[in-house]
Amino acid sequence: MLPFSLALRLVTFVFALCASLVIPKGETLSAGEKKEAVDRLVEELSKSYVFPDVADRMTEAIRTRQRNGEYDKLDDPQAFAQALTEHLQAVSHDKHMRVRSDSGAPAPGSPRRRFPESEDGFRRMNFGFEKVEILPGNVGYIDLRMFAPADLAGPTAAAAMEFLANTDALVLDLRENGGGQPDMVQLFCSYLFGPEPVHLNDLYFRPMNETRQFWTLPSLPGRRYVGKEVYVLTSHTTFSGAEECTYNLQTQKRAQIVGETTGGGANPGGRVELSKHLSAFVPSGRAINPITGTNWEGTGVEPEVRVPAKLALATAHTLALKKLVEGCTDDDRRAELAEALAHVEHDLAALQAETAEARPAAAERR
């Protein structure tokens, strides 16, 4: 058996670590390869899927469709992967549970983002830190697109937090974040709490029958971001590890969530090769929040301030500035904040009007 720490690295919240072997145009699946894929899938479900009873129901559903010949004419790799994904999710309602072809086209419910497969790839993506800046009114902003492995991304995270250490509020943008490593979620959350340990989350894995607890780290490079308001931006595509970060901060009452209900994927797992052209992501674990005793699987994380994702940043920035104005006793600083607030509210009103105009047009096209 693999050491638990290594096994955890192999079964992460990362959406799309699947390597891509491009299938030549026009290549099809043989009946033998489809049978091989289904047999391997059923074997892995029985052995690893986090809920054994659900695994049995998925197996029965797939085998019944296989016996009825529903897959006989599905020779296109993507079409076959899509059908299997739909049939598995119809039973499990698990958005992590999916089959994909190595053509690179995602099946429904699969992420559209690609994650790097090497340290150099993570580096070229700046370990997910797309943008770090100071917004008007001295409000910090981080656009974080993934939770890269902490041992690689740690120095970049420390640099980002140190850069923003003197801001008066923080906006964490996870609207385009599809997940990542739980150790990086742990590291980033640690910056938002004091040195006293805070129990963030647990992960239970069925194959090892083991649970790992995640607490904030007692020691960090650079300064912590404490005693200041934090706002997390979400969209319906915020998923997996990004949802864990959001849920951790929400349940600990450390941040206010602004935006849309997240995607609803809380079951970590790993990639399994099914055949030459097919692979599956099989969830083998589940998150257990120490406060709620449950997680966000199938429901997503509900924001306290529900607005379209497009409006989330301006809305959170407005909330942050209003809070700062309320607590400000310095006349010059208060005037500076009021000016910044007026500009942001003007921009928000313009976005709201633009969004309202777009809705009838979209409805008309439908």
Protein backbone atom coordinates (compact mmCIF):
# COMPACT_ATOMS: atom_id res chain seq x y z
CA MET A 1 0.00 0.00 0.00
CA LEU A 2 1.21 3.51 -0.82
CA PRO A 3 2.10 5.80 2.09
CA PHE A 4 -0.94 7.90 2.91
CA SER A 5 0.81 11.20 2.12
CA LEU A 6 1.79 9.95 -1.33
CA ALA A 7 -1.62 8.43 -1.96
CA LEU A 8 -3.23 11.74 -1.07
CA ARG A 9 -1.14 13.47 -3.71
CA LEU A 10 -2.44 10.95 -6.23
CA VAL A 11 -6.10 11.49 -5.35
CA THR A 12 -6.51 15.23 -5.29
CA PHE A 13 -9.21 17.75 -6.00
CA VAL A 14 -7.54 18.64 -9.28
CA PHE A 15 -10.15 18.60 -12.04
CA ALA A 16 -8.20 17.61 -15.06
CA LEU A 17 -4.85 16.08 -14.46
CA CYS A 18 -5.62 13.62 -17.25
CA ALA A 19 -2.83 13.47 -19.78
CA SER A 20 -3.90 13.87 -23.38
CA LEU A 21 -3.02 11.45 -26.14
CA VAL A 22 -4.55 12.89 -29.26
CA ILE A 23 -6.64 10.36 -31.13
CA PRO A 24 -6.07 10.49 -34.88
CA LYS A 25 -9.04 11.93 -36.72
CA GLY A 26 -11.55 9.25 -37.65
CA GLU A 27 -10.18 6.58 -35.31
CA THR A 28 -12.93 4.53 -33.68
CA LEU A 29 -13.32 2.18 -30.76
CA SER A 30 -13.54 -1.53 -31.33
CA ALA A 31 -16.08 -3.68 -29.53
CA GLY A 32 -13.18 -5.25 -27.65
CA GLU A 33 -11.87 -1.90 -26.39
CA LYS A 34 -15.33 -0.83 -25.25
CA LYS A 35 -15.75 -4.06 -23.32
CA GLU A 36 -12.29 -3.63 -21.83
CA ALA A 37 -13.14 -0.09 -20.75
CA VAL A 38 -16.43 -1.07 -19.12
CA ASP A 39 -14.86 -4.05 -17.34
CA ARG A 40 -12.04 -1.90 -16.01
CA LEU A 41 -14.46 0.83 -14.96
CA VAL A 42 -16.68 -1.61 -13.08
CA GLU A 43 -13.66 -3.10 -11.34
CA GLU A 44 -12.46 0.33 -10.21
CA LEU A 45 -15.91 1.38 -9.01
CA SER A 46 -16.19 -1.74 -6.90
CA LYS A 47 -12.72 -1.26 -5.44
CA SER A 48 -12.46 2.49 -4.97
CA TYR A 49 -15.64 4.53 -5.36
CA VAL A 50 -16.27 6.28 -2.06
CA PHE A 51 -19.83 4.99 -1.55
CA PRO A 52 -19.98 1.20 -2.14
CA ASP A 53 -23.77 1.08 -2.47
CA VAL A 54 -23.71 3.81 -5.12
CA ALA A 55 -20.89 1.97 -6.87
CA ASP A 56 -23.11 -1.12 -7.05
CA ARG A 57 -25.97 0.88 -8.53
CA MET A 58 -23.71 2.49 -11.13
CA THR A 59 -22.32 -0.92 -12.05
CA GLU A 60 -25.80 -2.36 -12.49
CA ALA A 61 -26.89 0.59 -14.64
CA ILE A 62 -23.84 0.32 -16.92
CA ARG A 63 -24.03 -3.46 -17.21
CA THR A 64 -27.75 -3.32 -18.03
CA ARG A 65 -27.17 -0.81 -20.81
CA GLN A 66 -24.25 -2.89 -22.05
CA ARG A 67 -26.41 -6.05 -22.19
CA ASN A 68 -29.15 -4.13 -23.99
CA GLY A 69 -26.70 -3.10 -26.71
CA GLU A 70 -26.88 0.63 -26.01
CA TYR A 71 -23.14 1.03 -26.52
CA ASP A 72 -22.82 -1.17 -29.62
CA LYS A 73 -23.02 1.71 -32.12
CA LEU A 74 -21.09 4.24 -30.07
CA ASP A 75 -17.74 3.83 -31.81
CA ASP A 76 -16.61 7.44 -31.50
CA PRO A 77 -14.42 7.73 -28.37
CA GLN A 78 -15.93 11.04 -27.26
CA ALA A 79 -19.51 9.89 -27.80
CA PHE A 80 -18.88 6.70 -25.82
CA ALA A 81 -17.18 8.61 -22.99
CA GLN A 82 -20.04 11.10 -22.91
CA ALA A 83 -22.65 8.35 -22.72
CA LEU A 84 -20.84 6.59 -19.88
CA THR A 85 -20.43 9.87 -18.00
CA GLU A 86 -24.11 10.71 -18.34
CA HIS A 87 -25.18 7.23 -17.22
CA LEU A 88 -22.82 7.22 -14.23
CA GLN A 89 -23.83 10.69 -13.10
CA ALA A 90 -27.53 9.90 -13.54
CA VAL A 91 -27.11 7.36 -10.74
CA SER A 92 -24.44 8.97 -8.57
CA HIS A 93 -25.17 12.67 -9.10
CA ASP A 94 -21.42 13.01 -8.56
CA LYS A 95 -19.90 15.70 -10.78
CA HIS A 96 -16.40 14.33 -10.30
CA MET A 97 -17.45 10.91 -11.64
CA ARG A 98 -16.69 10.97 -15.34
CA VAL A 99 -15.20 9.15 -18.30
CA ARG A 100 -13.26 10.97 -20.97
CA SER A 101 -11.61 10.19 -24.24
CA ASP A 102 -8.06 11.32 -24.77
CA SER A 103 -9.20 13.47 -27.69
CA GLY A 104 -9.18 16.35 -25.23
CA ALA A 105 -12.86 17.23 -25.59
CA PRO A 106 -14.56 17.22 -22.18
CA ALA A 107 -17.72 15.28 -21.51
CA PRO A 108 -20.65 17.05 -19.87
CA GLY A 109 -19.87 17.77 -16.25
CA SER A 110 -16.13 17.69 -16.92
CA PRO A 111 -13.91 20.71 -16.44
CA ARG A 112 -12.80 22.76 -19.41
CA ARG A 113 -9.53 23.74 -17.76
CA ARG A 114 -6.29 21.87 -18.24
CA PHE A 115 -3.89 21.53 -15.35
CA PRO A 116 -0.14 21.37 -15.91
CA GLU A 117 1.59 18.02 -15.82
CA SER A 118 5.01 19.25 -14.72
CA GLU A 119 6.64 21.73 -12.40
CA ASP A 120 7.63 23.84 -15.39
CA GLY A 121 4.02 23.86 -16.54
CA PHE A 122 2.85 25.10 -13.15
CA ARG A 123 5.58 27.75 -13.21
CA ARG A 124 4.48 29.07 -16.61
CA MET A 125 0.97 29.47 -15.17
CA ASN A 126 2.46 31.25 -12.13
CA PHE A 127 1.04 28.48 -9.94
CA GLY A 128 -2.48 29.77 -10.53
CA PHE A 129 -1.87 33.35 -9.40
CA GLU A 130 -3.29 35.17 -12.39
CA LYS A 131 -3.39 38.66 -10.86
CA VAL A 132 -2.43 40.28 -7.56
CA GLU A 133 -3.14 44.00 -7.20
CA ILE A 134 -4.35 46.78 -4.93
CA LEU A 135 -7.78 48.14 -5.83
CA PRO A 136 -8.90 51.72 -5.12
CA GLY A 137 -9.40 52.32 -1.42
CA ASN A 138 -6.49 50.04 -0.51
CA VAL A 139 -8.40 46.80 -1.05
CA GLY A 140 -6.27 43.78 -1.95
CA TYR A 141 -7.24 41.52 -4.85
CA ILE A 142 -6.07 38.04 -5.83
CA ASP A 143 -7.30 36.26 -8.96
CA LEU A 144 -6.42 32.63 -8.22
CA ARG A 145 -7.14 30.14 -11.03
CA MET A 146 -6.04 26.89 -9.35
CA PHE A 147 -4.60 25.45 -6.16
CA ALA A 148 -1.24 24.15 -7.34
CA PRO A 149 0.82 21.80 -5.13
CA ALA A 150 1.87 23.70 -2.01
CA ASP A 151 5.51 22.63 -2.23
CA LEU A 152 5.69 24.32 -5.64
CA ALA A 153 3.32 27.26 -5.16
CA GLY A 154 4.22 28.16 -1.58
CA PRO A 155 6.79 30.89 -2.37
CA THR A 156 4.43 32.56 -4.85
CA ALA A 157 1.58 32.46 -2.33
CA ALA A 158 3.85 33.98 0.32
CA ALA A 159 4.94 36.74 -2.08
CA ALA A 160 1.32 37.52 -2.97
CA MET A 161 0.23 37.70 0.65
CA GLU A 162 3.23 39.81 1.61
CA PHE A 163 2.47 42.24 -1.23
CA LEU A 164 -1.08 42.66 0.07
CA ALA A 165 -0.22 42.64 3.78
CA ASN A 166 -0.77 46.40 4.15
CA THR A 167 -4.16 46.51 2.47
CA ASP A 168 -7.29 47.03 4.55
CA ALA A 169 -9.51 44.30 3.07
CA LEU A 170 -9.05 41.39 0.69
CA VAL A 171 -11.01 40.08 -2.29
CA LEU A 172 -10.17 36.50 -3.30
CA ASP A 173 -11.44 35.75 -6.81
CA LEU A 174 -12.19 32.03 -7.33
CA ARG A 175 -14.68 32.51 -10.17
CA GLU A 176 -12.41 30.71 -12.64
CA ASN A 177 -10.81 28.30 -10.20
CA GLY A 178 -11.51 24.63 -10.93
CA GLY A 179 -9.78 23.11 -7.93
CA GLY A 180 -6.41 21.71 -7.05
CA GLN A 181 -4.41 20.26 -4.22
CA PRO A 182 -5.83 20.17 -0.68
CA ASP A 183 -2.42 21.04 0.79
CA MET A 184 -2.48 24.33 -1.11
CA VAL A 185 -6.02 25.05 0.10
CA GLN A 186 -4.70 24.46 3.61
CA LEU A 187 -1.68 26.72 3.06
CA PHE A 188 -3.68 29.60 1.58
CA CYS A 189 -6.39 29.45 4.24
CA SER A 190 -3.70 29.48 6.93
CA TYR A 191 -2.73 33.02 5.93
CA LEU A 192 -6.23 34.22 6.83
CA PHE A 193 -6.14 32.97 10.43
CA GLY A 194 -3.92 33.59 13.43
CA PRO A 195 -1.23 31.15 14.60
CA GLU A 196 -3.64 29.17 16.82
CA PRO A 197 -4.67 25.97 14.95
CA VAL A 198 -8.05 26.02 13.20
CA HIS A 199 -9.60 22.77 11.98
CA LEU A 200 -10.48 23.43 8.34
CA ASN A 201 -11.54 20.13 6.77
CA ASP A 202 -11.17 16.36 6.76
CA LEU A 203 -10.76 14.02 3.80
CA TYR A 204 -11.82 10.39 4.09
CA PHE A 205 -10.56 7.89 1.50
CA ARG A 206 -12.28 4.53 1.09
CA PRO A 207 -9.38 2.50 -0.47
CA MET A 208 -7.16 3.18 2.53
CA ASN A 209 -10.03 3.54 5.02
CA GLU A 210 -8.19 6.54 6.39
CA THR A 211 -9.07 10.12 7.20
CA ARG A 212 -6.66 13.03 7.04
CA GLN A 213 -7.36 16.19 8.98
CA PHE A 214 -6.44 19.60 7.64
CA TRP A 215 -5.65 22.33 10.16
CA THR A 216 -4.21 25.78 9.61
CA LEU A 217 -0.42 25.80 9.72
CA PRO A 218 1.26 27.15 12.87
CA SER A 219 4.19 28.65 10.96
CA LEU A 220 4.16 30.52 7.66
CA PRO A 221 6.65 32.52 5.59
CA GLY A 222 5.61 36.14 5.66
CA ARG A 223 2.79 37.92 7.47
CA ARG A 224 -0.69 36.60 8.13
CA TYR A 225 -3.78 38.47 6.96
CA VAL A 226 -5.86 38.78 10.12
CA GLY A 227 -8.26 41.28 11.62
CA LYS A 228 -9.44 42.42 8.20
CA GLU A 229 -12.49 41.62 6.08
CA VAL A 230 -12.19 38.95 3.38
CA TYR A 231 -14.55 38.47 0.43
CA VAL A 232 -14.55 35.39 -1.82
CA LEU A 233 -15.92 35.61 -5.36
CA THR A 234 -17.61 32.52 -6.84
CA SER A 235 -19.30 31.41 -10.04
CA HIS A 236 -21.17 28.28 -11.07
CA THR A 237 -17.87 26.93 -12.42
CA THR A 238 -16.01 27.36 -9.13
CA PHE A 239 -15.37 23.71 -8.33
CA SER A 240 -13.77 21.10 -6.11
CA GLY A 241 -10.75 22.42 -4.18
CA ALA A 242 -11.89 26.00 -4.85
CA GLU A 243 -15.20 25.08 -3.26
CA GLU A 244 -13.37 23.62 -0.29
CA CYS A 245 -11.52 26.88 0.23
CA THR A 246 -14.81 28.79 -0.02
CA TYR A 247 -16.62 26.40 2.33
CA ASN A 248 -13.77 26.43 4.85
CA LEU A 249 -13.82 30.21 5.07
CA GLN A 250 -17.62 30.39 5.10
CA THR A 251 -18.13 27.85 7.88
CA GLN A 252 -15.39 29.47 9.97
CA LYS A 253 -17.11 32.85 9.38
CA ARG A 254 -13.84 34.19 8.07
CA ALA A 255 -15.12 35.47 4.72
CA GLN A 256 -18.24 36.70 3.01
CA ILE A 257 -19.07 34.85 -0.20
CA VAL A 258 -20.20 36.95 -3.16
CA GLY A 259 -21.38 35.62 -6.51
CA GLU A 260 -23.07 32.43 -7.70
CA THR A 261 -23.66 29.01 -6.17
CA THR A 262 -20.61 26.88 -6.91
CA GLY A 263 -20.46 23.69 -8.99
CA GLY A 264 -20.99 21.13 -6.23
CA GLY A 265 -18.06 18.68 -6.36
CA ALA A 266 -16.71 17.53 -2.99
CA ASN A 267 -15.48 13.99 -3.68
CA PRO A 268 -11.74 13.79 -4.46
CA GLY A 269 -10.30 10.94 -6.44
CA GLY A 270 -7.86 10.00 -9.16
CA ARG A 271 -7.47 9.15 -12.81
CA VAL A 272 -7.78 5.55 -13.96
CA GLU A 273 -6.77 4.21 -17.36
CA LEU A 274 -9.65 2.24 -18.89
CA SER A 275 -8.24 1.43 -22.31
CA LYS A 276 -5.93 2.80 -24.99
CA HIS A 277 -8.19 5.78 -25.65
CA LEU A 278 -10.29 6.12 -22.50
CA SER A 279 -9.76 7.09 -18.89
CA ALA A 280 -11.98 7.85 -15.91
CA PHE A 281 -11.88 10.07 -12.87
CA VAL A 282 -13.16 7.93 -10.00
CA PRO A 283 -13.93 9.70 -6.70
CA SER A 284 -12.52 7.60 -3.88
CA GLY A 285 -12.97 10.04 -1.02
CA ARG A 286 -15.24 12.65 0.49
CA ALA A 287 -14.81 15.89 2.38
CA ILE A 288 -16.11 16.17 5.94
CA ASN A 289 -16.34 19.67 7.37
CA PRO A 290 -15.67 19.71 11.14
CA ILE A 291 -18.41 22.28 11.77
CA THR A 292 -21.26 21.04 9.55
CA GLY A 293 -20.28 17.35 9.47
CA THR A 294 -21.02 17.34 5.75
CA ASN A 295 -19.86 19.05 2.54
CA TRP A 296 -21.02 20.78 -0.63
CA GLU A 297 -21.38 17.71 -2.88
CA GLY A 298 -24.29 18.14 -5.28
CA THR A 299 -25.43 21.41 -3.74
CA GLY A 300 -22.51 23.75 -4.16
CA VAL A 301 -21.57 26.51 -1.76
CA GLU A 302 -24.29 29.12 -1.42
CA PRO A 303 -23.06 32.73 -1.34
CA GLU A 304 -24.29 35.16 1.30
CA VAL A 305 -24.51 37.82 -1.41
CA ARG A 306 -26.00 36.27 -4.53
CA VAL A 307 -25.21 38.16 -7.74
CA PRO A 308 -24.23 37.14 -11.29
CA ALA A 309 -20.53 36.27 -11.48
CA LYS A 310 -19.95 39.26 -13.76
CA LEU A 311 -21.05 41.60 -10.94
CA ALA A 312 -19.24 39.83 -8.10
CA LEU A 313 -16.02 41.84 -8.08
CA ALA A 314 -17.67 45.27 -8.17
CA THR A 315 -20.19 44.10 -5.56
CA ALA A 316 -17.51 42.81 -3.19
CA HIS A 317 -15.37 45.91 -3.71
CA THR A 318 -18.40 48.05 -2.84
CA LEU A 319 -19.09 46.01 0.29
CA ALA A 320 -15.46 46.28 1.37
CA LEU A 321 -15.37 50.05 0.92
CA LYS A 322 -18.67 50.57 2.76
CA LYS A 323 -17.33 48.54 5.68
CA LEU A 324 -14.13 50.58 5.73
CA VAL A 325 -16.05 53.85 5.61
CA GLU A 326 -18.17 52.73 8.58
CA GLY A 327 -15.12 52.03 10.70
CA CYS A 328 -13.04 55.03 9.64
CA THR A 329 -12.42 57.87 12.10
CA ASP A 330 -9.82 59.80 10.09
CA ASP A 331 -11.46 62.55 8.01
CA ASP A 332 -8.92 62.49 5.18
CA ARG A 333 -9.03 58.72 4.91
CA ARG A 334 -12.81 58.73 5.09
CA ALA A 335 -12.96 61.22 2.19
CA GLU A 336 -10.58 59.03 0.17
CA LEU A 337 -12.72 55.97 0.81
CA ALA A 338 -15.92 57.84 -0.06
CA GLU A 339 -14.45 58.93 -3.37
CA ALA A 340 -13.35 55.39 -4.21
CA LEU A 341 -16.77 54.08 -3.19
CA ALA A 342 -18.57 56.55 -5.46
CA HIS A 343 -16.52 55.40 -8.46
CA VAL A 344 -17.03 51.70 -7.73
CA GLU A 345 -20.77 52.16 -7.18
CA HIS A 346 -20.97 53.99 -10.51
CA ASP A 347 -19.20 51.09 -12.24
CA LEU A 348 -21.43 48.58 -10.50
CA ALA A 349 -24.57 50.41 -11.59
CA ALA A 350 -23.33 50.37 -15.19
CA LEU A 351 -22.66 46.63 -15.00
CA GLN A 352 -26.09 46.00 -13.47
CA ALA A 353 -27.74 47.93 -16.30
CA GLU A 354 -25.70 46.06 -18.88
CA THR A 355 -26.64 42.73 -17.32
CA ALA A 356 -30.33 43.67 -17.18
CA GLU A 357 -30.28 44.60 -20.87
CA ALA A 358 -28.55 41.35 -21.80
CA ARG A 359 -31.14 39.12 -20.14
CA PRO A 360 -34.11 39.95 -22.46
CA ALA A 361 -31.86 39.62 -25.49
CA ALA A 362 -30.68 36.20 -24.35
CA ALA A 363 -34.25 35.09 -23.63
CA GLU A 364 -35.32 36.27 -27.08
CA ARG A 365 -32.56 34.25 -28.76
CA ARG A 366 -33.73 31.14 -26.92
